[in-house]
C-alpha atoms as a PDB file:
ATOM      1  CA  MET A   1      -8.471  76.739 -14.453  1.00  0.00           C
ATOM      2  CA  HIS A   2      -7.009  77.455 -17.911  1.00  0.00           C
ATOM      3  CA  GLN A   3      -9.039  75.912 -20.744  1.00  0.00           C
ATOM      4  CA  LYS A   4      -8.136  75.234 -24.352  1.00  0.00           C
ATOM      5  CA  TYR A   5      -9.340  73.162 -27.285  1.00  0.00           C
ATOM      6  CA  LEU A   6      -7.670  69.808 -27.939  1.00  0.00           C
ATOM      7  CA  PRO A   7      -8.479  66.874 -30.234  1.00  0.00           C
ATOM      8  CA  ILE A   8     -10.237  63.982 -28.552  1.00  0.00           C
ATOM      9  CA  PHE A   9      -9.829  60.315 -29.417  1.00  0.00           C
ATOM     10  CA  PRO A  10     -12.824  58.197 -28.336  1.00  0.00           C
ATOM     11  CA  LEU A  11     -11.839  54.568 -27.706  1.00  0.00           C
ATOM     12  CA  ASN A  12     -13.230  51.574 -25.894  1.00  0.00           C
ATOM     13  CA  ILE A  13     -10.623  51.963 -23.171  1.00  0.00           C
ATOM     14  CA  VAL A  14     -10.073  54.069 -20.058  1.00  0.00           C
ATOM     15  CA  LEU A  15      -6.622  55.609 -19.768  1.00  0.00           C
ATOM     16  CA  PHE A  16      -5.429  56.559 -16.280  1.00  0.00           C
ATOM     17  CA  PRO A  17      -2.698  59.063 -15.376  1.00  0.00           C
ATOM     18  CA  GLU A  18       0.734  57.417 -15.795  1.00  0.00           C
ATOM     19  CA  SER A  19      -0.799  54.460 -17.653  1.00  0.00           C
ATOM     20  CA  ARG A  20       0.663  53.502 -21.011  1.00  0.00           C
ATOM     21  CA  ALA A  21      -1.077  51.981 -24.023  1.00  0.00           C
ATOM     22  CA  PHE A  22      -0.125  50.873 -27.516  1.00  0.00           C
ATOM     23  CA  LEU A  23      -2.408  52.087 -30.300  1.00  0.00           C
ATOM     24  CA  ARG A  24      -2.514  51.490 -34.034  1.00  0.00           C
ATOM     25  CA  ILE A  25      -3.634  54.582 -35.937  1.00  0.00           C
ATOM     26  CA  PHE A  26      -5.073  54.184 -39.433  1.00  0.00           C
ATOM     27  CA  GLU A  27      -8.015  56.592 -39.881  1.00  0.00           C
ATOM     28  CA  PRO A  28      -6.941  59.758 -41.782  1.00  0.00           C
ATOM     29  CA  ARG A  29      -8.323  62.137 -39.147  1.00  0.00           C
ATOM     30  CA  TYR A  30      -6.393  60.430 -36.364  1.00  0.00           C
ATOM     31  CA  LEU A  31      -3.260  60.122 -38.479  1.00  0.00           C
ATOM     32  CA  ARG A  32      -3.449  63.906 -38.850  1.00  0.00           C
ATOM     33  CA  MET A  33      -4.046  64.296 -35.118  1.00  0.00           C
ATOM     34  CA  VAL A  34      -1.029  62.151 -34.248  1.00  0.00           C
ATOM     35  CA  GLY A  35       1.147  63.875 -36.853  1.00  0.00           C
ATOM     36  CA  GLU A  36       0.339  67.291 -35.419  1.00  0.00           C
ATOM     37  CA  SER A  37       0.878  66.007 -31.887  1.00  0.00           C
ATOM     38  CA  ILE A  38       4.338  64.724 -32.809  1.00  0.00           C
ATOM     39  CA  LYS A  39       5.258  67.879 -34.723  1.00  0.00           C
ATOM     40  CA  ASN A  40       4.004  70.352 -32.112  1.00  0.00           C
ATOM     41  CA  LYS A  41       4.673  68.197 -29.027  1.00  0.00           C
ATOM     42  CA  THR A  42       1.093  68.657 -27.865  1.00  0.00           C
ATOM     43  CA  PRO A  43      -1.223  66.150 -26.177  1.00  0.00           C
ATOM     44  CA  PHE A  44      -4.625  64.871 -27.200  1.00  0.00           C
ATOM     45  CA  VAL A  45      -7.409  63.449 -25.060  1.00  0.00           C
ATOM     46  CA  ILE A  46      -8.300  59.775 -24.710  1.00  0.00           C
ATOM     47  CA  VAL A  47     -11.938  59.373 -23.707  1.00  0.00           C
ATOM     48  CA  LYS A  48     -14.192  56.343 -23.381  1.00  0.00           C
ATOM     49  CA  SER A  49     -16.388  56.196 -26.470  1.00  0.00           C
ATOM     50  CA  ARG A  50     -20.104  56.896 -26.162  1.00  0.00           C
ATOM     51  CA  LYS A  51     -22.938  55.821 -28.456  1.00  0.00           C
ATOM     52  CA  ASP A  52     -24.560  59.262 -28.230  1.00  0.00           C
ATOM     53  CA  LYS A  53     -21.230  60.968 -29.066  1.00  0.00           C
ATOM     54  CA  ASN A  54     -21.991  63.595 -26.416  1.00  0.00           C
ATOM     55  CA  TYR A  55     -18.729  64.191 -24.555  1.00  0.00           C
ATOM     56  CA  LYS A  56     -19.575  67.408 -22.758  1.00  0.00           C
ATOM     57  CA  GLU A  57     -18.737  67.185 -19.020  1.00  0.00           C
ATOM     58  CA  ILE A  58     -17.172  63.732 -19.557  1.00  0.00           C
ATOM     59  CA  THR A  59     -13.820  62.901 -17.936  1.00  0.00           C
ATOM     60  CA  GLY A  60     -10.916  61.919 -20.160  1.00  0.00           C
ATOM     61  CA  THR A  61      -7.139  61.809 -19.874  1.00  0.00           C
ATOM     62  CA  LEU A  62      -4.447  63.848 -21.592  1.00  0.00           C
ATOM     63  CA  ALA A  63      -2.128  61.588 -23.580  1.00  0.00           C
ATOM     64  CA  ASP A  64       1.455  62.251 -24.668  1.00  0.00           C
ATOM     65  CA  ILE A  65       3.126  60.235 -27.415  1.00  0.00           C
ATOM     66  CA  VAL A  66       6.141  58.374 -26.028  1.00  0.00           C
ATOM     67  CA  SER A  67       7.236  56.684 -29.260  1.00  0.00           C
ATOM     68  CA  TRP A  68       5.931  55.905 -32.714  1.00  0.00           C
ATOM     69  CA  GLU A  69       6.709  54.003 -35.899  1.00  0.00           C
ATOM     70  CA  SER A  70       5.025  53.679 -39.269  1.00  0.00           C
ATOM     71  CA  ASP A  71       3.874  50.349 -40.664  1.00  0.00           C
ATOM     72  CA  GLN A  72       3.740  48.917 -44.168  1.00  0.00           C
ATOM     73  CA  GLN A  73       0.008  49.627 -44.489  1.00  0.00           C
ATOM     74  CA  GLY A  74       0.445  53.362 -44.044  1.00  0.00           C
ATOM     75  CA  GLY A  75      -0.642  53.379 -40.416  1.00  0.00           C
ATOM     76  CA  LEU A  76       1.184  54.362 -37.261  1.00  0.00           C
ATOM     77  CA  ASN A  77       1.924  52.325 -34.160  1.00  0.00           C
ATOM     78  CA  ILE A  78       2.232  54.611 -31.160  1.00  0.00           C
ATOM     79  CA  LEU A  79       2.912  54.275 -27.453  1.00  0.00           C
ATOM     80  CA  ILE A  80       1.054  56.828 -25.353  1.00  0.00           C
ATOM     81  CA  LYS A  81       1.232  57.817 -21.696  1.00  0.00           C
ATOM     82  CA  GLY A  82      -1.613  59.320 -19.688  1.00  0.00           C
ATOM     83  CA  THR A  83      -0.744  62.495 -17.801  1.00  0.00           C
ATOM     84  CA  GLU A  84      -3.673  64.439 -16.297  1.00  0.00           C
ATOM     85  CA  ARG A  85      -7.415  63.994 -16.007  1.00  0.00           C
ATOM     86  CA  VAL A  86      -9.526  66.530 -17.848  1.00  0.00           C
ATOM     87  CA  THR A  87     -13.192  67.460 -18.109  1.00  0.00           C
ATOM     88  CA  LEU A  88     -14.475  68.026 -21.634  1.00  0.00           C
ATOM     89  CA  GLY A  89     -16.547  71.082 -22.507  1.00  0.00           C
ATOM     90  CA  ASP A  90     -18.054  72.420 -25.717  1.00  0.00           C
ATOM     91  CA  GLY A  91     -16.688  70.918 -28.893  1.00  0.00           C
ATOM     92  CA  TYR A  92     -16.878  70.968 -32.655  1.00  0.00           C
ATOM     93  CA  LEU A  93     -15.984  68.810 -35.664  1.00  0.00           C
ATOM     94  CA  GLU A  94     -13.331  69.779 -38.175  1.00  0.00           C
ATOM     95  CA  ASP A  95     -13.736  69.094 -41.906  1.00  0.00           C
ATOM     96  CA  ASP A  96     -12.373  65.543 -41.609  1.00  0.00           C
ATOM     97  CA  ASN A  97     -14.622  64.818 -38.573  1.00  0.00           C
ATOM     98  CA  LEU A  98     -11.823  65.116 -36.035  1.00  0.00           C
ATOM     99  CA  ARG A  99     -13.523  66.297 -32.868  1.00  0.00           C
ATOM    100  CA  LEU A 100     -11.997  69.077 -30.777  1.00  0.00           C
ATOM    101  CA  SER A 101     -13.260  69.923 -27.315  1.00  0.00           C
ATOM    102  CA  ARG A 102     -12.532  72.564 -24.739  1.00  0.00           C
ATOM    103  CA  VAL A 103     -10.709  70.844 -21.886  1.00  0.00           C
ATOM    104  CA  ARG A 104     -10.289  71.762 -18.245  1.00  0.00           C
ATOM    105  CA  VAL A 105      -7.534  70.055 -16.264  1.00  0.00           C
ATOM    106  CA  MET A 106      -8.878  68.478 -13.078  1.00  0.00           C
ATOM    107  CA  SER A 107      -6.919  69.246  -9.937  1.00  0.00           C
ATOM    108  CA  GLU A 108      -5.556  66.334  -7.919  1.00  0.00           C
ATOM    109  CA  LYS A 109      -5.881  66.167  -4.168  1.00  0.00           C
ATOM    110  CA  GLU A 110      -2.784  66.259  -2.015  1.00  0.00           C
ATOM    111  CA  GLU A 111      -1.219  62.872  -1.354  1.00  0.00           C
ATOM    112  CA  ILE A 112      -3.404  60.769   0.945  1.00  0.00           C
ATOM    113  CA  LYS A 113      -2.053  57.701   2.714  1.00  0.00           C
ATOM    114  CA  VAL A 114      -3.781  54.400   1.959  1.00  0.00           C
ATOM    115  CA  PRO A 115      -6.089  53.580   4.922  1.00  0.00           C
ATOM    116  CA  GLU A 116      -5.480  50.395   6.874  1.00  0.00           C
ATOM    117  CA  ARG A 117      -8.659  48.777   5.529  1.00  0.00           C
ATOM    118  CA  PHE A 118      -7.317  49.052   1.982  1.00  0.00           C
ATOM    119  CA  GLN A 119      -3.776  47.798   2.655  1.00  0.00           C
ATOM    120  CA  CYS A 120      -4.955  44.556   1.065  1.00  0.00           C
ATOM    121  CA  LEU A 121      -5.196  46.438  -2.229  1.00  0.00           C
ATOM    122  CA  SER A 122      -1.565  47.523  -1.939  1.00  0.00           C
ATOM    123  CA  LYS A 123      -0.604  43.869  -1.427  1.00  0.00           C
ATOM    124  CA  LEU A 124      -2.747  42.888  -4.406  1.00  0.00           C
ATOM    125  CA  LEU A 125      -0.902  45.340  -6.636  1.00  0.00           C
ATOM    126  CA  GLU A 126       2.453  44.006  -5.429  1.00  0.00           C
ATOM    127  CA  GLU A 127       1.334  40.491  -6.360  1.00  0.00           C
ATOM    128  CA  ILE A 128       0.210  41.669  -9.793  1.00  0.00           C
ATOM    129  CA  TYR A 129       3.557  43.344 -10.453  1.00  0.00           C
ATOM    130  CA  GLU A 130       5.438  40.217  -9.448  1.00  0.00           C
ATOM    131  CA  LYS A 131       3.796  38.535 -12.442  1.00  0.00           C
ATOM    132  CA  ILE A 132       4.460  41.368 -14.927  1.00  0.00           C
ATOM    133  CA  GLU A 133       7.920  42.353 -13.792  1.00  0.00           C
ATOM    134  CA  GLY A 134       9.081  43.505 -17.220  1.00  0.00           C
ATOM    135  CA  ASP A 135       6.276  46.069 -17.639  1.00  0.00           C
ATOM    136  CA  LYS A 136       6.734  48.228 -14.551  1.00  0.00           C
ATOM    137  CA  GLU A 137      10.067  49.946 -15.120  1.00  0.00           C
ATOM    138  CA  TYR A 138       8.531  53.356 -15.834  1.00  0.00           C
ATOM    139  CA  TYR A 139       6.551  53.557 -12.592  1.00  0.00           C
ATOM    140  CA  ASN A 140       7.623  55.504  -9.528  1.00  0.00           C
ATOM    141  CA  PHE A 141       6.148  53.117  -6.978  1.00  0.00           C
ATOM    142  CA  GLN A 142       3.934  54.779  -4.383  1.00  0.00           C
ATOM    143  CA  LEU A 143       2.051  51.916  -2.758  1.00  0.00           C
ATOM    144  CA  ASP A 144       1.100  54.097   0.236  1.00  0.00           C
ATOM    145  CA  ASN A 145      -0.327  56.838  -1.999  1.00  0.00           C
ATOM    146  CA  ALA A 146      -4.095  56.310  -2.338  1.00  0.00           C
ATOM    147  CA  SER A 147      -4.324  58.232  -5.608  1.00  0.00           C
ATOM    148  CA  TRP A 148      -1.458  56.412  -7.314  1.00  0.00           C
ATOM    149  CA  LEU A 149      -2.694  53.040  -6.035  1.00  0.00           C
ATOM    150  CA  SER A 150      -6.225  53.663  -7.301  1.00  0.00           C
ATOM    151  CA  TYR A 151      -4.974  54.565 -10.784  1.00  0.00           C
ATOM    152  CA  ARG A 152      -2.707  51.525 -11.052  1.00  0.00           C
ATOM    153  CA  LEU A 153      -5.423  49.135  -9.862  1.00  0.00           C
ATOM    154  CA  GLY A 154      -7.926  50.797 -12.172  1.00  0.00           C
ATOM    155  CA  GLU A 155      -5.494  50.138 -14.988  1.00  0.00           C
ATOM    156  CA  LEU A 156      -4.600  46.529 -14.173  1.00  0.00           C
ATOM    157  CA  VAL A 157      -7.526  44.849 -12.387  1.00  0.00           C
ATOM    158  CA  ASN A 158     -10.173  43.116 -14.490  1.00  0.00           C
ATOM    159  CA  LEU A 159     -13.051  45.529 -13.908  1.00  0.00           C
ATOM    160  CA  SER A 160     -15.832  46.565 -16.271  1.00  0.00           C
ATOM    161  CA  ILE A 161     -15.036  49.508 -18.520  1.00  0.00           C
ATOM    162  CA  ASP A 162     -17.979  51.438 -17.053  1.00  0.00           C
ATOM    163  CA  LEU A 163     -16.558  50.978 -13.548  1.00  0.00           C
ATOM    164  CA  LYS A 164     -13.126  52.038 -14.772  1.00  0.00           C
ATOM    165  CA  GLN A 165     -14.684  55.224 -16.158  1.00  0.00           C
ATOM    166  CA  ASP A 166     -16.473  55.810 -12.859  1.00  0.00           C
ATOM    167  CA  ILE A 167     -13.155  55.409 -11.040  1.00  0.00           C
ATOM    168  CA  LEU A 168     -11.426  57.851 -13.382  1.00  0.00           C
ATOM    169  CA  GLN A 169     -14.002  60.584 -12.884  1.00  0.00           C
ATOM    170  CA  THR A 170     -14.113  60.210  -9.080  1.00  0.00           C
ATOM    171  CA  ASP A 171     -12.072  62.963  -7.439  1.00  0.00           C
ATOM    172  CA  ASN A 172     -11.550  61.454  -3.987  1.00  0.00           C
ATOM    173  CA  PRO A 173      -8.841  58.742  -4.093  1.00  0.00           C
ATOM    174  CA  ILE A 174     -10.311  56.940  -1.062  1.00  0.00           C
ATOM    175  CA  LYS A 175     -13.664  56.756  -2.852  1.00  0.00           C
ATOM    176  CA  ARG A 176     -11.825  55.342  -5.863  1.00  0.00           C
ATOM    177  CA  LEU A 177     -10.303  52.614  -3.699  1.00  0.00           C
ATOM    178  CA  GLU A 178     -13.733  51.828  -2.257  1.00  0.00           C
ATOM    179  CA  LYS A 179     -15.150  51.350  -5.747  1.00  0.00           C
ATOM    180  CA  ILE A 180     -12.259  49.110  -6.739  1.00  0.00           C
ATOM    181  CA  TYR A 181     -12.622  47.049  -3.551  1.00  0.00           C
ATOM    182  CA  ASP A 182     -16.368  46.646  -4.091  1.00  0.00           C
ATOM    183  CA  GLY A 183     -15.829  45.807  -7.762  1.00  0.00           C
ATOM    184  CA  ILE A 184     -13.345  43.044  -6.905  1.00  0.00           C
ATOM    185  CA  PHE A 185     -15.656  41.675  -4.191  1.00  0.00           C
ATOM    186  CA  GLN A 186     -18.630  41.591  -6.560  1.00  0.00           C
ATOM    187  CA  TYR A 187     -16.532  39.850  -9.207  1.00  0.00           C
ATOM    188  CA  VAL A 188     -15.401  37.164  -6.737  1.00  0.00           C
ATOM    189  CA  GLU A 189     -18.942  36.751  -5.398  1.00  0.00           C
ATOM    190  CA  HIS A 190     -20.317  36.326  -8.928  1.00  0.00           C
ATOM    191  CA  ALA A 191     -17.598  33.795  -9.787  1.00  0.00           C
ATOM    192  CA  GLU A 192     -18.375  31.761  -6.675  1.00  0.00           C
ATOM    193  CA  GLN A 193     -22.104  31.730  -7.470  1.00  0.00           C
ATOM    194  CA  SER A 194     -21.396  30.640 -11.044  1.00  0.00           C
ATOM    195  CA  HIS A 195     -19.170  27.831  -9.748  1.00  0.00           C
ATOM    196  CA  LYS A 196     -21.918  26.595  -7.418  1.00  0.00           C
ATOM    197  CA  THR A 197     -24.430  26.655 -10.260  1.00  0.00           C
ATOM    198  CA  LEU A 198     -22.170  24.444 -12.374  1.00  0.00           C
ATOM    199  CA  GLN A 199     -21.726  21.881  -9.585  1.00  0.00           C
END
């Protein structure tokens, strides 16, 4: 697929397609990145930060800026939206240490219906959205779409950031749902064991 170089923004988050996030930008290199993104209407890549700073073959997400405003400290508050998953290739640092990497857009599988055994996850997401009613207006609800469901649960369920990254880089949406299901089960199991220990 077509590849090009884009700036990457390592953060301690995992951004999924269609997810939104508020960020405060204050480092000069990222202020420049955001300024150029606004001016040229181009995306940048959000990627989970790594201690070794080696991002080759790592999965990230293209991010578009939805809105922005400056603050009194000279920073920017921006709202971003994830669009497509990408794989990062070779990269380089510019003079201000802004990292650019070659990116390859990852293809998405055709829509796959949520299997019966994971219908409980669709119900879980409905319950979550009942509690955050004001934050879901921008979603086109697709509770029977395994890919969409896996991204929304990856975004909203309290899973470890490493598991969220694993979910993001997994191509098969059914496999993503399996990992989310197992992650929730392990969390509940751990909580129950901790409760018994305290008794």
